[in-house]
Amino acid sequence: MKGLVYKSTGSWYSVKADDGTFYNARIKGVLKIEGLTSTNPIAVGDVVTMEKENEMDNNAMITGIDDRKNYIARSSPHNKRQHHIVGSNLDQTMLFATLKDPKTSQGFIDRFLVSSEAYHIPAIIVFNKADVYGKKEMDKFEEIKEIYEQCGYSVMLASLANNNGVEEIIELLKNKITLLSGHSGVGKSTFINAIFPRLDLKTQEVSDWSGKGLHTTTFAEMFDLPFGGKIIDTPGLRELGVVDIKKNELAHYFPEMRRLMKDCQFNNCVHINEPGCAIKEAVNNNQIHVDRYVSYLSILDTMTDKHY
């Protein structure tokens, strides 16, 4: 029988069968070895084939995994050479960000967008906590909104604490599988609790000493939305490593650079100090925002030579 993976805790998986029954499933041994490039052979969002272990309970054995339409991965915290699949078979991603308490860096946003672009998944950015923004933050929001909308991204402003923006976000989630992400403390759990009061997901304040949110979610988990569609809640990510991307491919995942790359003098231009570079010229002419170019260089700098 077929099923959809809703939660992974490492060795056991919560899988919803086509008839709506949930099973506690584990992997048949042989699946653990074949061509494994990620730290998790099965991810939330995977469609799997499974067999009941016996008729008395809801334990099952996963015997196969369907090909993934796409997935989002991050570098494994335990082994930088491997990646960890956060969620698969997605229609879109939604990043929760904040300009204050805690502040989400543009570098983090850009890494998330690159990961989404790399797997051809549309991304939406939701800036939460508008209720604590002063004029400085609102001016910054308008600037950031313009930057990302010119690149083709949807950008929203919300105050989930005041229930502002919830309905608009719900409209974007209807009948789609969406991966939700963002640092801890940006309001992702607050939003999920607004949709599913019964879940009562833990929400934690920002830790005073670091200004960063505290981890509140341990494992990725999928939820059926009451209005149609599904969300995958992900652990509060401190870092989204860019994986499986070569240095000379990185600019492909910045839409505003992708449009101009063909005009570079050299086909293998990495847009740093090569002559006749259309990207650098566009930065100088304010066609590409300097903050995005700085993010590009920063990501490039973290990629090792083996990516060439």
Protein backbone atom coordinates (compact mmCIF):
# COMPACT_ATOMS: atom_id res chain seq x y z
CA MET A 1 0.00 0.00 0.00
CA LYS A 2 0.99 3.61 -0.58
CA GLY A 3 1.43 6.24 2.11
CA LEU A 4 2.68 9.78 2.75
CA VAL A 5 5.36 10.45 5.38
CA TYR A 6 4.13 12.97 7.96
CA LYS A 7 6.90 12.76 10.55
CA SER A 8 10.37 11.30 10.90
CA THR A 9 12.05 10.73 14.24
CA GLY A 10 15.20 9.13 12.89
CA SER A 11 14.39 5.43 12.73
CA TRP A 12 10.57 5.48 12.90
CA TYR A 13 8.19 7.28 10.57
CA SER A 14 4.58 8.34 10.90
CA VAL A 15 2.98 7.45 7.57
CA LYS A 16 -0.60 8.18 6.45
CA ALA A 17 -1.96 5.50 4.13
CA ASP A 18 -4.28 6.30 1.23
CA ASP A 19 -7.28 5.26 3.37
CA GLY A 20 -6.36 7.85 6.04
CA THR A 21 -4.94 5.38 8.57
CA PHE A 22 -1.68 6.36 10.26
CA TYR A 23 1.04 3.72 10.62
CA ASN A 24 4.24 3.60 12.66
CA ALA A 25 6.69 2.51 10.00
CA ARG A 26 10.35 1.62 9.78
CA ILE A 27 12.65 1.01 6.86
CA LYS A 28 13.36 -2.41 5.46
CA GLY A 29 17.12 -2.87 5.91
CA VAL A 30 18.11 -2.90 2.25
CA LEU A 31 16.72 0.61 1.70
CA LYS A 32 19.23 2.09 4.12
CA ILE A 33 22.20 1.43 1.86
CA GLU A 34 21.33 2.03 -1.78
CA GLY A 35 22.79 5.29 -3.12
CA LEU A 36 22.38 7.22 0.13
CA THR A 37 23.68 10.79 -0.23
CA SER A 38 21.64 12.27 2.60
CA THR A 39 21.68 11.59 6.33
CA ASN A 40 17.99 10.65 6.17
CA PRO A 41 16.93 8.04 3.59
CA ILE A 42 13.26 9.04 3.98
CA ALA A 43 11.98 12.58 4.49
CA VAL A 44 8.68 14.20 5.42
CA GLY A 45 6.66 14.54 2.21
CA ASP A 46 7.95 11.33 0.65
CA VAL A 47 5.47 8.94 -0.94
CA VAL A 48 6.36 5.39 0.14
CA THR A 49 5.24 1.82 -0.38
CA MET A 50 4.74 -0.18 2.81
CA GLU A 51 3.49 -3.50 4.12
CA LYS A 52 1.68 -4.14 7.39
CA GLU A 53 3.83 -6.14 9.81
CA ASN A 54 0.77 -7.89 11.22
CA GLU A 55 -2.99 -7.45 11.34
CA MET A 56 -3.11 -6.69 15.06
CA ASP A 57 -1.53 -3.24 15.16
CA ASN A 58 -0.55 -0.28 12.97
CA ASN A 59 3.10 -1.11 12.54
CA ALA A 60 4.39 -1.29 8.97
CA MET A 61 7.58 -1.83 7.00
CA ILE A 62 8.57 0.66 4.28
CA THR A 63 9.67 -1.30 1.22
CA GLY A 64 10.05 1.45 -1.39
CA ILE A 65 10.20 5.20 -1.99
CA ASP A 66 8.66 6.95 -5.01
CA ASP A 67 10.86 9.36 -6.97
CA ARG A 68 10.77 12.85 -5.46
CA LYS A 69 9.40 15.75 -7.48
CA ASN A 70 11.78 18.02 -5.56
CA TYR A 71 13.13 18.58 -2.07
CA ILE A 72 14.76 21.15 0.17
CA ALA A 73 17.99 20.14 1.89
CA ARG A 74 20.41 21.66 4.35
CA SER A 75 23.94 20.64 5.18
CA SER A 76 24.04 18.04 7.93
CA PRO A 77 25.11 19.53 11.28
CA HIS A 78 27.08 16.35 11.93
CA ASN A 79 28.76 15.92 8.55
CA LYS A 80 29.19 18.94 6.26
CA ARG A 81 29.80 16.61 3.29
CA GLN A 82 26.32 15.17 3.59
CA HIS A 83 22.96 16.86 3.39
CA HIS A 84 19.78 16.43 5.35
CA ILE A 85 16.50 16.55 3.43
CA VAL A 86 14.13 18.84 5.30
CA GLY A 87 11.03 18.20 3.17
CA SER A 88 10.11 16.75 -0.24
CA ASN A 89 7.48 17.00 -3.00
CA LEU A 90 6.75 20.65 -2.29
CA ASP A 91 4.59 23.18 -4.15
CA GLN A 92 6.18 26.18 -2.43
CA THR A 93 8.24 27.35 0.53
CA MET A 94 7.35 30.09 3.02
CA LEU A 95 10.05 31.79 5.06
CA PHE A 96 9.09 33.63 8.24
CA ALA A 97 11.46 36.52 8.92
CA THR A 98 11.62 39.50 11.26
CA LEU A 99 13.35 42.87 11.24
CA LYS A 100 13.48 43.05 15.04
CA ASP A 101 13.41 40.69 18.07
CA PRO A 102 15.17 38.70 16.53
CA LYS A 103 16.46 40.27 13.33
CA THR A 104 16.68 37.94 10.35
CA SER A 105 19.76 38.69 8.25
CA GLN A 106 19.40 39.19 4.51
CA GLY A 107 22.17 36.64 4.12
CA PHE A 108 19.98 33.99 5.76
CA ILE A 109 17.02 34.98 3.58
CA ASP A 110 19.16 34.77 0.44
CA ARG A 111 20.52 31.33 1.37
CA PHE A 112 16.97 30.10 1.83
CA LEU A 113 15.93 31.56 -1.54
CA VAL A 114 18.93 29.97 -3.28
CA SER A 115 17.94 26.58 -1.83
CA SER A 116 14.39 27.05 -3.11
CA GLU A 117 15.60 28.21 -6.54
CA ALA A 118 18.00 25.27 -6.82
CA TYR A 119 15.07 22.86 -6.65
CA HIS A 120 12.68 25.07 -8.69
CA ILE A 121 10.34 25.71 -5.75
CA PRO A 122 8.54 29.10 -5.55
CA ALA A 123 9.29 30.99 -2.33
CA ILE A 124 7.25 33.46 -0.26
CA ILE A 125 8.74 35.71 2.45
CA VAL A 126 6.56 36.74 5.41
CA PHE A 127 7.94 39.52 7.63
CA ASN A 128 6.25 39.11 11.00
CA LYS A 129 6.10 41.29 14.14
CA ALA A 130 4.98 44.46 12.34
CA ASP A 131 3.43 45.52 15.66
CA VAL A 132 6.91 46.18 17.14
CA TYR A 133 8.32 47.98 14.08
CA GLY A 134 9.09 51.68 14.27
CA LYS A 135 9.72 54.01 11.34
CA LYS A 136 13.25 52.65 10.86
CA GLU A 137 12.02 49.06 10.48
CA MET A 138 9.11 50.05 8.24
CA ASP A 139 11.46 51.98 5.94
CA LYS A 140 13.73 48.91 5.87
CA PHE A 141 10.77 46.65 5.09
CA GLU A 142 9.76 48.81 2.10
CA GLU A 143 13.35 48.68 0.82
CA ILE A 144 13.61 44.89 1.26
CA LYS A 145 10.16 44.36 -0.27
CA GLU A 146 11.21 46.24 -3.38
CA ILE A 147 14.46 44.26 -3.66
CA TYR A 148 12.77 40.87 -3.50
CA GLU A 149 9.66 41.71 -5.52
CA GLN A 150 11.91 42.89 -8.35
CA CYS A 151 13.50 39.44 -8.22
CA GLY A 152 10.06 37.86 -8.56
CA TYR A 153 9.34 36.86 -4.95
CA SER A 154 6.14 37.43 -2.98
CA VAL A 155 6.74 39.51 0.16
CA MET A 156 4.20 40.01 2.95
CA LEU A 157 3.99 42.02 6.15
CA ALA A 158 2.19 40.50 9.13
CA SER A 159 1.60 40.86 12.85
CA LEU A 160 0.58 37.39 13.91
CA ALA A 161 0.36 38.49 17.55
CA ASN A 162 -2.45 40.85 16.47
CA ASN A 163 -3.91 38.38 13.95
CA ASN A 164 -3.00 40.71 11.08
CA GLY A 165 -2.03 38.89 7.91
CA VAL A 166 -3.25 35.44 8.97
CA GLU A 167 -6.08 35.31 6.41
CA GLU A 168 -3.78 36.47 3.62
CA ILE A 169 -1.25 33.77 4.49
CA ILE A 170 -4.00 31.14 4.61
CA GLU A 171 -5.06 32.10 1.06
CA LEU A 172 -1.50 31.41 -0.14
CA LEU A 173 -1.42 28.00 1.56
CA LYS A 174 -4.76 26.64 0.32
CA ASN A 175 -4.52 23.32 -1.54
CA LYS A 176 -0.71 23.38 -1.68
CA ILE A 177 2.09 21.56 0.11
CA THR A 178 4.19 24.29 1.72
CA LEU A 179 7.39 24.02 3.71
CA LEU A 180 7.48 26.61 6.50
CA SER A 181 10.83 27.76 7.78
CA GLY A 182 12.60 30.51 9.68
CA HIS A 183 14.73 31.07 12.76
CA SER A 184 13.16 30.19 16.09
CA GLY A 185 11.41 33.19 17.59
CA VAL A 186 10.07 34.66 14.34
CA GLY A 187 6.48 33.51 14.88
CA LYS A 188 6.21 30.33 12.83
CA SER A 189 4.79 28.32 15.75
CA THR A 190 2.48 31.23 16.63
CA PHE A 191 1.07 31.07 13.11
CA ILE A 192 0.59 27.30 13.23
CA ASN A 193 -1.17 27.61 16.59
CA ALA A 194 -3.52 30.20 15.05
CA ILE A 195 -4.61 27.60 12.48
CA PHE A 196 -4.52 24.58 14.82
CA PRO A 197 -5.30 25.73 18.37
CA ARG A 198 -5.45 22.11 19.50
CA LEU A 199 -1.80 21.52 18.63
CA ASP A 200 -0.52 24.06 21.16
CA LEU A 201 2.98 23.96 19.70
CA LYS A 202 5.59 25.31 22.07
CA THR A 203 6.51 28.91 21.39
CA GLN A 204 9.50 30.44 23.11
CA GLU A 205 10.63 33.98 23.58
CA VAL A 206 13.90 35.16 22.13
CA SER A 207 16.78 34.36 24.46
CA ASP A 208 18.00 37.62 26.00
CA TRP A 209 21.70 36.86 25.90
CA SER A 210 21.96 35.97 22.22
CA GLY A 211 19.08 37.83 20.58
CA LYS A 212 18.37 34.61 18.69
CA GLY A 213 15.32 32.45 19.04
CA LEU A 214 15.51 29.24 20.98
CA HIS A 215 14.94 25.91 19.26
CA THR A 216 11.35 24.79 19.80
CA THR A 217 10.87 22.08 17.15
CA THR A 218 12.98 18.93 16.99
CA PHE A 219 11.67 17.08 13.95
CA ALA A 220 10.02 18.19 10.73
CA GLU A 221 6.32 17.34 10.70
CA MET A 222 3.50 17.60 8.17
CA PHE A 223 -0.02 18.77 9.05
CA ASP A 224 -3.24 18.64 7.00
CA LEU A 225 -4.70 22.13 6.72
CA PRO A 226 -8.42 22.37 7.61
CA PHE A 227 -9.03 24.48 4.50
CA GLY A 228 -7.13 22.17 2.10
CA GLY A 229 -3.44 21.65 1.56
CA LYS A 230 -0.58 20.68 3.85
CA ILE A 231 2.26 22.40 5.67
CA ILE A 232 5.59 20.98 6.75
CA ASP A 233 6.87 22.60 9.93
CA THR A 234 10.66 22.53 10.15
CA PRO A 235 13.05 22.88 13.07
CA GLY A 236 14.13 26.44 13.84
CA LEU A 237 17.09 26.64 11.51
CA ARG A 238 20.12 28.62 12.59
CA GLU A 239 21.73 28.03 9.23
CA LEU A 240 20.58 26.72 5.88
CA GLY A 241 23.70 25.40 4.20
CA VAL A 242 23.77 25.61 0.41
CA VAL A 243 24.28 22.04 -0.80
CA ASP A 244 24.69 20.27 -4.13
CA ILE A 245 25.53 23.52 -5.95
CA LYS A 246 28.72 24.28 -7.86
CA LYS A 247 30.39 27.68 -7.67
CA ASN A 248 29.87 28.44 -11.35
CA GLU A 249 26.16 27.56 -10.98
CA LEU A 250 25.38 29.78 -7.98
CA ALA A 251 24.42 32.87 -10.00
CA HIS A 252 21.73 30.77 -11.77
CA TYR A 253 19.83 30.78 -8.47
CA PHE A 254 19.71 34.57 -8.19
CA PRO A 255 16.90 35.38 -10.68
CA GLU A 256 18.12 38.92 -11.35
CA MET A 257 21.59 37.54 -12.20
CA ARG A 258 20.25 34.64 -14.24
CA ARG A 259 18.62 37.11 -16.64
CA LEU A 260 21.95 38.82 -17.40
CA MET A 261 24.52 36.01 -17.30
CA LYS A 262 24.36 35.42 -21.06
CA ASP A 263 25.81 38.91 -21.55
CA CYS A 264 29.05 38.10 -19.69
CA GLN A 265 32.18 37.98 -21.85
CA PHE A 266 33.13 34.52 -20.58
CA ASN A 267 30.84 31.49 -20.32
CA ASN A 268 32.47 30.36 -17.06
CA CYS A 269 32.31 33.81 -15.42
CA VAL A 270 31.94 33.61 -11.62
CA HIS A 271 31.26 37.39 -11.46
CA ILE A 272 34.08 38.39 -9.13
CA ASN A 273 36.92 40.01 -11.07
CA GLU A 274 36.54 38.75 -14.65
CA PRO A 275 36.58 41.37 -17.45
CA GLY A 276 33.34 41.99 -19.34
CA CYS A 277 31.14 40.77 -16.49
CA ALA A 278 27.52 41.82 -17.02
CA ILE A 279 26.63 41.08 -13.39
CA LYS A 280 29.21 43.47 -11.92
CA GLU A 281 28.18 46.11 -14.44
CA ALA A 282 24.53 45.67 -13.38
CA VAL A 283 25.53 46.10 -9.71
CA ASN A 284 27.39 49.33 -10.59
CA ASN A 285 24.32 50.56 -12.50
CA ASN A 286 21.95 49.68 -9.61
CA GLN A 287 20.15 47.07 -11.74
CA ILE A 288 21.15 44.45 -9.16
CA HIS A 289 20.97 45.53 -5.53
CA VAL A 290 24.38 45.61 -3.87
CA ASP A 291 23.03 43.68 -0.83
CA ARG A 292 22.09 40.76 -3.07
CA TYR A 293 25.53 40.83 -4.71
CA VAL A 294 27.19 40.87 -1.27
CA SER A 295 25.08 37.82 -0.33
CA TYR A 296 26.17 36.13 -3.54
CA LEU A 297 29.84 36.73 -2.74
CA SER A 298 29.34 35.60 0.85
CA ILE A 299 27.72 32.31 -0.22
CA LEU A 300 30.39 31.81 -2.88
CA ASP A 301 33.07 32.28 -0.24
CA THR A 302 31.66 29.40 1.85
CA MET A 303 31.71 27.00 -1.09
CA THR A 304 34.80 24.84 -1.31
CA ASP A 305 36.89 24.29 -4.44
CA LYS A 306 35.36 20.83 -4.91
CA HIS A 307 32.19 22.57 -6.10
CA TYR A 308 33.90 23.74 -9.29
